[in-house]
């Protein structure tokens, strides 16, 4: 069974008016741009070399991740789909909403040391350059005030949905 989208080579007759030819060339350029953007997305999101690491992180989720995932899974939060342990570039984020380009990170005790904070800063810089909004919460916040965490995520989803994506 073939693909739903078939690409045919551009065949232009010589007698084709210039304006129509330019329009066809623009369509070809648009197709090439779309293909490049899709390839870029494939290179950035869920890289195959990180599949095992993502799977392991999902299997060994922290208690805080499990509690928050129960609130985010199955598009429960305003109908927005979240992915768990999603990779963007070389980094694996805890939760990601692709529609709104929002990342939710839960920080436990391991994030308290200076080396981990430096790594988190580099990760945040990388993701911000891609136009991703990053929300960080301590594990304790999820346990003590889950509703406030969910409301903060909801507010960020609404804000991110109204902002145009970066080019």
Foldseek 3Di string as FASTA:
>chain_A
DDDPDDDDDDDDDPVDDPVVVVVVVVVVVVVVVVVVVVVLCQQFKPPVVCVVVLVVCVVVPDPLLVLLCVCADPCNQVNFHKDAQMGGHPDTAGIAGVLLQETEHEDEPVCPDPVNVVVVVVVVVVSVVQQHHYHYDYSVCCVPPVPVVSVVVSVSSVVSNPDDGDD
